[in-house]
Amino acid sequence: MKKINSLHANSSARQQKIIAAALTCFTEKGYTETSIADICNASAASTGSVYHHFRSKNGVAIAIYLEGIRDYQNGMVKTLSAHADARAGIFAVVDYHLRWVSRNPAWARFLFEYRHAEFMSDAEDAMKGLNTEFSKGMGEWFGRHIQAGDLKRLPKDVIIALLLGPCQEFSRLYIAGHAETAVPEASQAIAEGAWISLKRDA
């Protein structure tokens, strides 16, 4: 797993270390079987330190989830914003998604498996905030290209399904160890399909 960078201005090195260690524990033992003691041992943090920063195991799991989503979404918007050309942007987004998953398999697996876990009910407001910012950043780019006539005028949810739906399915196969195609090849093929689906016909 790559180093979890601080995406909160107030996030400390200790918090990051605990989050990274907890993700390793959850990956190796599962969420239910992991104890606070396991997280303390893996992070070399005291029980008091873990409870000070996160209050509970649920709190640690929520922090892992939110940090993963932030990292993914911030990188996605940054990647898309760097491309003025519609086709290049679509291809870049698909490539970013698949490479993020391949670089962060533990994080990606956690995001897939625990989105609807019971502990996530305490994170709904935070998730809504993150998704609102993400939607705004993505929407501005797509809005410009729809207005310019580069992309079809489709509902937002349909655009997301056409662009990221295939990425998500390949990612599930990848993290389960069932993908047969290398990430660069898959990225090219999926991006071509997304572009055909989204581009405005001449």
C-alpha atoms as a PDB file:
ATOM      1  CA  MET A   1       0.000   0.000   0.000  1.00  0.00           C
ATOM      2  CA  LYS A   2       1.310   3.426  -0.841  1.00  0.00           C
ATOM      3  CA  LYS A   3       1.887   5.863   1.984  1.00  0.00           C
ATOM      4  CA  ILE A   4      -1.323   7.569   3.018  1.00  0.00           C
ATOM      5  CA  ASN A   5      -0.715  11.256   2.569  1.00  0.00           C
ATOM      6  CA  SER A   6      -2.425  13.728   4.861  1.00  0.00           C
ATOM      7  CA  LEU A   7      -5.432  15.158   3.112  1.00  0.00           C
ATOM      8  CA  HIS A   8      -6.666  16.933   6.234  1.00  0.00           C
ATOM      9  CA  ALA A   9      -4.716  20.026   7.219  1.00  0.00           C
ATOM     10  CA  ASN A  10      -4.997  18.947  10.858  1.00  0.00           C
ATOM     11  CA  SER A  11      -4.166  15.284  10.306  1.00  0.00           C
ATOM     12  CA  SER A  12      -1.074  14.249  12.229  1.00  0.00           C
ATOM     13  CA  ALA A  13       1.680  11.800  11.416  1.00  0.00           C
ATOM     14  CA  ARG A  14       0.441   9.649  14.292  1.00  0.00           C
ATOM     15  CA  GLN A  15      -3.068   9.517  12.820  1.00  0.00           C
ATOM     16  CA  GLN A  16      -1.683   8.559   9.427  1.00  0.00           C
ATOM     17  CA  LYS A  17       0.397   5.779  10.956  1.00  0.00           C
ATOM     18  CA  ILE A  18      -2.591   4.391  12.830  1.00  0.00           C
ATOM     19  CA  ILE A  19      -4.764   4.534   9.693  1.00  0.00           C
ATOM     20  CA  ALA A  20      -2.138   2.746   7.598  1.00  0.00           C
ATOM     21  CA  ALA A  21      -1.598   0.072  10.252  1.00  0.00           C
ATOM     22  CA  ALA A  22      -5.322  -0.468  10.723  1.00  0.00           C
ATOM     23  CA  LEU A  23      -5.842  -0.910   6.992  1.00  0.00           C
ATOM     24  CA  THR A  24      -3.165  -3.597   6.993  1.00  0.00           C
ATOM     25  CA  CYS A  25      -4.858  -5.331   9.931  1.00  0.00           C
ATOM     26  CA  PHE A  26      -8.298  -5.170   8.334  1.00  0.00           C
ATOM     27  CA  THR A  27      -6.862  -6.539   5.084  1.00  0.00           C
ATOM     28  CA  GLU A  28      -5.085  -9.441   6.774  1.00  0.00           C
ATOM     29  CA  LYS A  29      -7.611 -10.366   9.486  1.00  0.00           C
ATOM     30  CA  GLY A  30     -10.869  -8.767   8.430  1.00  0.00           C
ATOM     31  CA  TYR A  31     -12.684  -5.910  10.121  1.00  0.00           C
ATOM     32  CA  THR A  32     -14.597  -8.037  12.622  1.00  0.00           C
ATOM     33  CA  GLU A  33     -11.585 -10.057  13.747  1.00  0.00           C
ATOM     34  CA  THR A  34      -9.284  -7.048  14.139  1.00  0.00           C
ATOM     35  CA  SER A  35      -9.091  -5.619  17.658  1.00  0.00           C
ATOM     36  CA  ILE A  36      -7.901  -2.277  18.952  1.00  0.00           C
ATOM     37  CA  ALA A  37      -4.953  -4.182  20.445  1.00  0.00           C
ATOM     38  CA  ASP A  38      -4.026  -5.407  16.948  1.00  0.00           C
ATOM     39  CA  ILE A  39      -4.100  -1.849  15.648  1.00  0.00           C
ATOM     40  CA  CYS A  40      -2.012  -0.622  18.578  1.00  0.00           C
ATOM     41  CA  ASN A  41       0.601  -3.333  18.006  1.00  0.00           C
ATOM     42  CA  ALA A  42       0.781  -2.707  14.271  1.00  0.00           C
ATOM     43  CA  SER A  43       1.057   1.069  14.636  1.00  0.00           C
ATOM     44  CA  ALA A  44       3.210   1.126  17.770  1.00  0.00           C
ATOM     45  CA  ALA A  45       0.599   3.431  19.287  1.00  0.00           C
ATOM     46  CA  SER A  46      -0.804   3.198  22.783  1.00  0.00           C
ATOM     47  CA  THR A  47      -4.437   2.345  23.371  1.00  0.00           C
ATOM     48  CA  GLY A  48      -4.927   5.855  24.721  1.00  0.00           C
ATOM     49  CA  SER A  49      -3.463   7.371  21.570  1.00  0.00           C
ATOM     50  CA  VAL A  50      -5.786   5.382  19.293  1.00  0.00           C
ATOM     51  CA  TYR A  51      -8.840   6.284  21.339  1.00  0.00           C
ATOM     52  CA  HIS A  52      -7.729   9.918  21.529  1.00  0.00           C
ATOM     53  CA  HIS A  53      -7.633  10.240  17.742  1.00  0.00           C
ATOM     54  CA  PHE A  54     -10.491   7.938  16.720  1.00  0.00           C
ATOM     55  CA  ARG A  55     -12.591   7.043  19.820  1.00  0.00           C
ATOM     56  CA  SER A  56     -13.359   3.519  18.549  1.00  0.00           C
ATOM     57  CA  LYS A  57     -12.513   0.861  15.986  1.00  0.00           C
ATOM     58  CA  ASN A  58     -15.440   2.152  13.970  1.00  0.00           C
ATOM     59  CA  GLY A  59     -13.827   5.581  14.007  1.00  0.00           C
ATOM     60  CA  VAL A  60     -10.590   4.153  12.627  1.00  0.00           C
ATOM     61  CA  ALA A  61     -12.488   2.335   9.863  1.00  0.00           C
ATOM     62  CA  ILE A  62     -14.370   5.499   8.932  1.00  0.00           C
ATOM     63  CA  ALA A  63     -11.102   7.430   8.775  1.00  0.00           C
ATOM     64  CA  ILE A  64      -9.626   4.813   6.444  1.00  0.00           C
ATOM     65  CA  TYR A  65     -12.658   5.020   4.200  1.00  0.00           C
ATOM     66  CA  LEU A  66     -12.776   8.802   4.054  1.00  0.00           C
ATOM     67  CA  GLU A  67      -9.030   9.130   3.448  1.00  0.00           C
ATOM     68  CA  GLY A  68      -9.296   6.648   0.596  1.00  0.00           C
ATOM     69  CA  ILE A  69     -12.204   8.466  -1.000  1.00  0.00           C
ATOM     70  CA  ARG A  70     -10.467  11.834  -0.651  1.00  0.00           C
ATOM     71  CA  ASP A  71      -7.275  10.534  -2.197  1.00  0.00           C
ATOM     72  CA  TYR A  72      -9.142   8.957  -5.110  1.00  0.00           C
ATOM     73  CA  GLN A  73     -11.482  11.879  -5.760  1.00  0.00           C
ATOM     74  CA  ASN A  74      -8.873  14.633  -5.446  1.00  0.00           C
ATOM     75  CA  GLY A  75      -6.586  12.810  -7.856  1.00  0.00           C
ATOM     76  CA  MET A  76      -9.419  12.195 -10.294  1.00  0.00           C
ATOM     77  CA  VAL A  77     -10.472  15.854 -10.432  1.00  0.00           C
ATOM     78  CA  LYS A  78      -6.852  16.981 -10.742  1.00  0.00           C
ATOM     79  CA  THR A  79      -6.265  14.525 -13.577  1.00  0.00           C
ATOM     80  CA  LEU A  80      -9.368  15.576 -15.449  1.00  0.00           C
ATOM     81  CA  SER A  81      -8.681  19.287 -14.989  1.00  0.00           C
ATOM     82  CA  ALA A  82      -5.265  18.886 -16.598  1.00  0.00           C
ATOM     83  CA  HIS A  83      -6.833  17.952 -19.950  1.00  0.00           C
ATOM     84  CA  ALA A  84      -8.505  20.540 -22.155  1.00  0.00           C
ATOM     85  CA  ASP A  85      -9.280  18.004 -24.879  1.00  0.00           C
ATOM     86  CA  ALA A  86     -12.423  15.921 -24.308  1.00  0.00           C
ATOM     87  CA  ARG A  87     -11.052  12.639 -25.631  1.00  0.00           C
ATOM     88  CA  ALA A  88      -7.794  13.007 -23.717  1.00  0.00           C
ATOM     89  CA  GLY A  89      -9.732  13.721 -20.542  1.00  0.00           C
ATOM     90  CA  ILE A  90     -11.910  10.619 -20.872  1.00  0.00           C
ATOM     91  CA  PHE A  91      -8.881   8.416 -21.501  1.00  0.00           C
ATOM     92  CA  ALA A  92      -7.013  10.014 -18.587  1.00  0.00           C
ATOM     93  CA  VAL A  93      -9.883   9.411 -16.152  1.00  0.00           C
ATOM     94  CA  VAL A  94     -10.137   5.719 -17.024  1.00  0.00           C
ATOM     95  CA  ASP A  95      -6.372   5.301 -16.759  1.00  0.00           C
ATOM     96  CA  TYR A  96      -6.293   7.140 -13.439  1.00  0.00           C
ATOM     97  CA  HIS A  97      -9.030   4.961 -11.964  1.00  0.00           C
ATOM     98  CA  LEU A  98      -7.435   1.651 -12.911  1.00  0.00           C
ATOM     99  CA  ARG A  99      -3.939   2.717 -11.912  1.00  0.00           C
ATOM    100  CA  TRP A 100      -5.168   4.037  -8.558  1.00  0.00           C
ATOM    101  CA  VAL A 101      -6.698   0.642  -7.843  1.00  0.00           C
ATOM    102  CA  SER A 102      -3.554  -1.198  -8.979  1.00  0.00           C
ATOM    103  CA  ARG A 103      -1.376   1.014  -6.759  1.00  0.00           C
ATOM    104  CA  ASN A 104      -3.727   0.791  -3.774  1.00  0.00           C
ATOM    105  CA  PRO A 105      -5.289  -2.683  -3.799  1.00  0.00           C
ATOM    106  CA  ALA A 106      -5.872  -2.805  -0.028  1.00  0.00           C
ATOM    107  CA  TRP A 107      -7.504   0.600  -0.006  1.00  0.00           C
ATOM    108  CA  ALA A 108      -9.596  -0.235  -3.077  1.00  0.00           C
ATOM    109  CA  ARG A 109     -10.741  -3.517  -1.526  1.00  0.00           C
ATOM    110  CA  PHE A 110     -11.721  -1.704   1.667  1.00  0.00           C
ATOM    111  CA  LEU A 111     -13.732   0.874  -0.280  1.00  0.00           C
ATOM    112  CA  PHE A 112     -15.546  -1.821  -2.237  1.00  0.00           C
ATOM    113  CA  GLU A 113     -16.304  -4.052   0.738  1.00  0.00           C
ATOM    114  CA  TYR A 114     -17.295  -1.568   3.423  1.00  0.00           C
ATOM    115  CA  ARG A 115     -19.285   1.208   1.735  1.00  0.00           C
ATOM    116  CA  HIS A 116     -22.502  -0.165   3.201  1.00  0.00           C
ATOM    117  CA  ALA A 117     -21.083  -1.472   6.462  1.00  0.00           C
ATOM    118  CA  GLU A 118     -23.000  -0.537   9.586  1.00  0.00           C
ATOM    119  CA  PHE A 119     -20.226   1.730  10.855  1.00  0.00           C
ATOM    120  CA  MET A 120     -20.509   3.887   7.710  1.00  0.00           C
ATOM    121  CA  SER A 121     -23.845   5.244   8.923  1.00  0.00           C
ATOM    122  CA  ASP A 122     -21.824   7.652  11.068  1.00  0.00           C
ATOM    123  CA  ALA A 123     -19.986   8.936   7.988  1.00  0.00           C
ATOM    124  CA  GLU A 124     -22.934   9.831   5.765  1.00  0.00           C
ATOM    125  CA  ASP A 125     -22.625  13.603   6.251  1.00  0.00           C
ATOM    126  CA  ALA A 126     -18.907  13.507   5.510  1.00  0.00           C
ATOM    127  CA  MET A 127     -19.501  11.337   2.447  1.00  0.00           C
ATOM    128  CA  LYS A 128     -22.161  13.712   1.151  1.00  0.00           C
ATOM    129  CA  GLY A 129     -19.741  16.612   1.510  1.00  0.00           C
ATOM    130  CA  LEU A 130     -16.970  14.815  -0.329  1.00  0.00           C
ATOM    131  CA  ASN A 131     -19.282  13.653  -3.096  1.00  0.00           C
ATOM    132  CA  THR A 132     -20.716  17.137  -3.536  1.00  0.00           C
ATOM    133  CA  GLU A 133     -17.255  18.605  -4.083  1.00  0.00           C
ATOM    134  CA  PHE A 134     -16.301  15.743  -6.372  1.00  0.00           C
ATOM    135  CA  SER A 135     -19.467  16.111  -8.425  1.00  0.00           C
ATOM    136  CA  LYS A 136     -18.861  19.839  -8.737  1.00  0.00           C
ATOM    137  CA  GLY A 137     -15.297  19.383  -9.978  1.00  0.00           C
ATOM    138  CA  MET A 138     -16.241  16.690 -12.474  1.00  0.00           C
ATOM    139  CA  GLY A 139     -19.426  18.476 -13.518  1.00  0.00           C
ATOM    140  CA  GLU A 140     -17.652  21.685 -14.454  1.00  0.00           C
ATOM    141  CA  TRP A 141     -15.347  19.853 -16.859  1.00  0.00           C
ATOM    142  CA  PHE A 142     -18.103  17.788 -18.431  1.00  0.00           C
ATOM    143  CA  GLY A 143     -20.386  20.816 -18.611  1.00  0.00           C
ATOM    144  CA  ARG A 144     -17.841  22.750 -20.669  1.00  0.00           C
ATOM    145  CA  HIS A 145     -17.419  19.918 -23.146  1.00  0.00           C
ATOM    146  CA  ILE A 146     -21.138  19.257 -23.429  1.00  0.00           C
ATOM    147  CA  GLN A 147     -21.698  22.954 -24.071  1.00  0.00           C
ATOM    148  CA  ALA A 148     -18.917  22.963 -26.673  1.00  0.00           C
ATOM    149  CA  GLY A 149     -20.523  20.035 -28.468  1.00  0.00           C
ATOM    150  CA  ASP A 150     -17.701  17.571 -27.767  1.00  0.00           C
ATOM    151  CA  LEU A 151     -19.793  15.241 -25.586  1.00  0.00           C
ATOM    152  CA  LYS A 152     -23.390  14.040 -25.645  1.00  0.00           C
ATOM    153  CA  ARG A 153     -25.878  15.847 -23.457  1.00  0.00           C
ATOM    154  CA  LEU A 154     -26.692  13.011 -21.076  1.00  0.00           C
ATOM    155  CA  PRO A 155     -27.932  12.899 -17.464  1.00  0.00           C
ATOM    156  CA  LYS A 156     -25.151  12.970 -14.888  1.00  0.00           C
ATOM    157  CA  ASP A 157     -25.910   9.506 -13.567  1.00  0.00           C
ATOM    158  CA  VAL A 158     -25.762   8.048 -17.080  1.00  0.00           C
ATOM    159  CA  ILE A 159     -22.407   9.708 -17.739  1.00  0.00           C
ATOM    160  CA  ILE A 160     -21.016   8.238 -14.521  1.00  0.00           C
ATOM    161  CA  ALA A 161     -22.337   4.782 -15.403  1.00  0.00           C
ATOM    162  CA  LEU A 162     -20.866   4.844 -18.899  1.00  0.00           C
ATOM    163  CA  LEU A 163     -17.522   6.242 -17.772  1.00  0.00           C
ATOM    164  CA  LEU A 164     -16.861   4.555 -14.436  1.00  0.00           C
ATOM    165  CA  GLY A 165     -19.168   1.532 -14.464  1.00  0.00           C
ATOM    166  CA  PRO A 166     -16.793  -0.571 -16.604  1.00  0.00           C
ATOM    167  CA  CYS A 167     -13.840   0.701 -14.544  1.00  0.00           C
ATOM    168  CA  GLN A 168     -15.526  -0.456 -11.353  1.00  0.00           C
ATOM    169  CA  GLU A 169     -16.292  -3.896 -12.734  1.00  0.00           C
ATOM    170  CA  PHE A 170     -12.725  -4.432 -13.954  1.00  0.00           C
ATOM    171  CA  SER A 171     -11.441  -3.181 -10.603  1.00  0.00           C
ATOM    172  CA  ARG A 172     -13.537  -5.764  -8.744  1.00  0.00           C
ATOM    173  CA  LEU A 173     -12.030  -8.495 -10.893  1.00  0.00           C
ATOM    174  CA  TYR A 174      -8.550  -7.054 -10.369  1.00  0.00           C
ATOM    175  CA  ILE A 175      -8.637  -6.902  -6.587  1.00  0.00           C
ATOM    176  CA  ALA A 176     -10.204 -10.367  -6.444  1.00  0.00           C
ATOM    177  CA  GLY A 177      -7.290 -11.687  -8.519  1.00  0.00           C
ATOM    178  CA  HIS A 178      -9.526 -12.670 -11.434  1.00  0.00           C
ATOM    179  CA  ALA A 179      -8.500 -10.066 -14.028  1.00  0.00           C
ATOM    180  CA  GLU A 180      -6.794 -11.649 -17.027  1.00  0.00           C
ATOM    181  CA  THR A 181      -5.851  -8.429 -18.817  1.00  0.00           C
ATOM    182  CA  ALA A 182      -2.976  -6.167 -17.784  1.00  0.00           C
ATOM    183  CA  VAL A 183      -4.036  -2.762 -16.455  1.00  0.00           C
ATOM    184  CA  PRO A 184      -2.562  -0.707 -19.366  1.00  0.00           C
ATOM    185  CA  GLU A 185      -4.351  -2.860 -21.938  1.00  0.00           C
ATOM    186  CA  ALA A 186      -7.592  -2.807 -19.992  1.00  0.00           C
ATOM    187  CA  SER A 187      -7.335   0.951 -19.581  1.00  0.00           C
ATOM    188  CA  GLN A 188      -6.993   1.487 -23.321  1.00  0.00           C
ATOM    189  CA  ALA A 189      -9.898  -0.782 -24.209  1.00  0.00           C
ATOM    190  CA  ILE A 190     -12.251   0.572 -21.532  1.00  0.00           C
ATOM    191  CA  ALA A 191     -11.379   4.179 -22.399  1.00  0.00           C
ATOM    192  CA  GLU A 192     -12.125   3.566 -26.065  1.00  0.00           C
ATOM    193  CA  GLY A 193     -15.520   2.153 -25.121  1.00  0.00           C
ATOM    194  CA  ALA A 194     -16.271   5.100 -22.826  1.00  0.00           C
ATOM    195  CA  TRP A 195     -15.262   7.594 -25.490  1.00  0.00           C
ATOM    196  CA  ILE A 196     -17.496   5.965 -28.108  1.00  0.00           C
ATOM    197  CA  SER A 197     -20.379   6.064 -25.630  1.00  0.00           C
ATOM    198  CA  LEU A 198     -19.885   9.689 -24.573  1.00  0.00           C
ATOM    199  CA  LYS A 199     -18.639  11.544 -27.623  1.00  0.00           C
ATOM    200  CA  ARG A 200     -21.115  13.550 -29.617  1.00  0.00           C
ATOM    201  CA  ASP A 201     -21.638  12.132 -33.063  1.00  0.00           C
ATOM    202  CA  ALA A 202     -20.462  14.401 -35.864  1.00  0.00           C
END
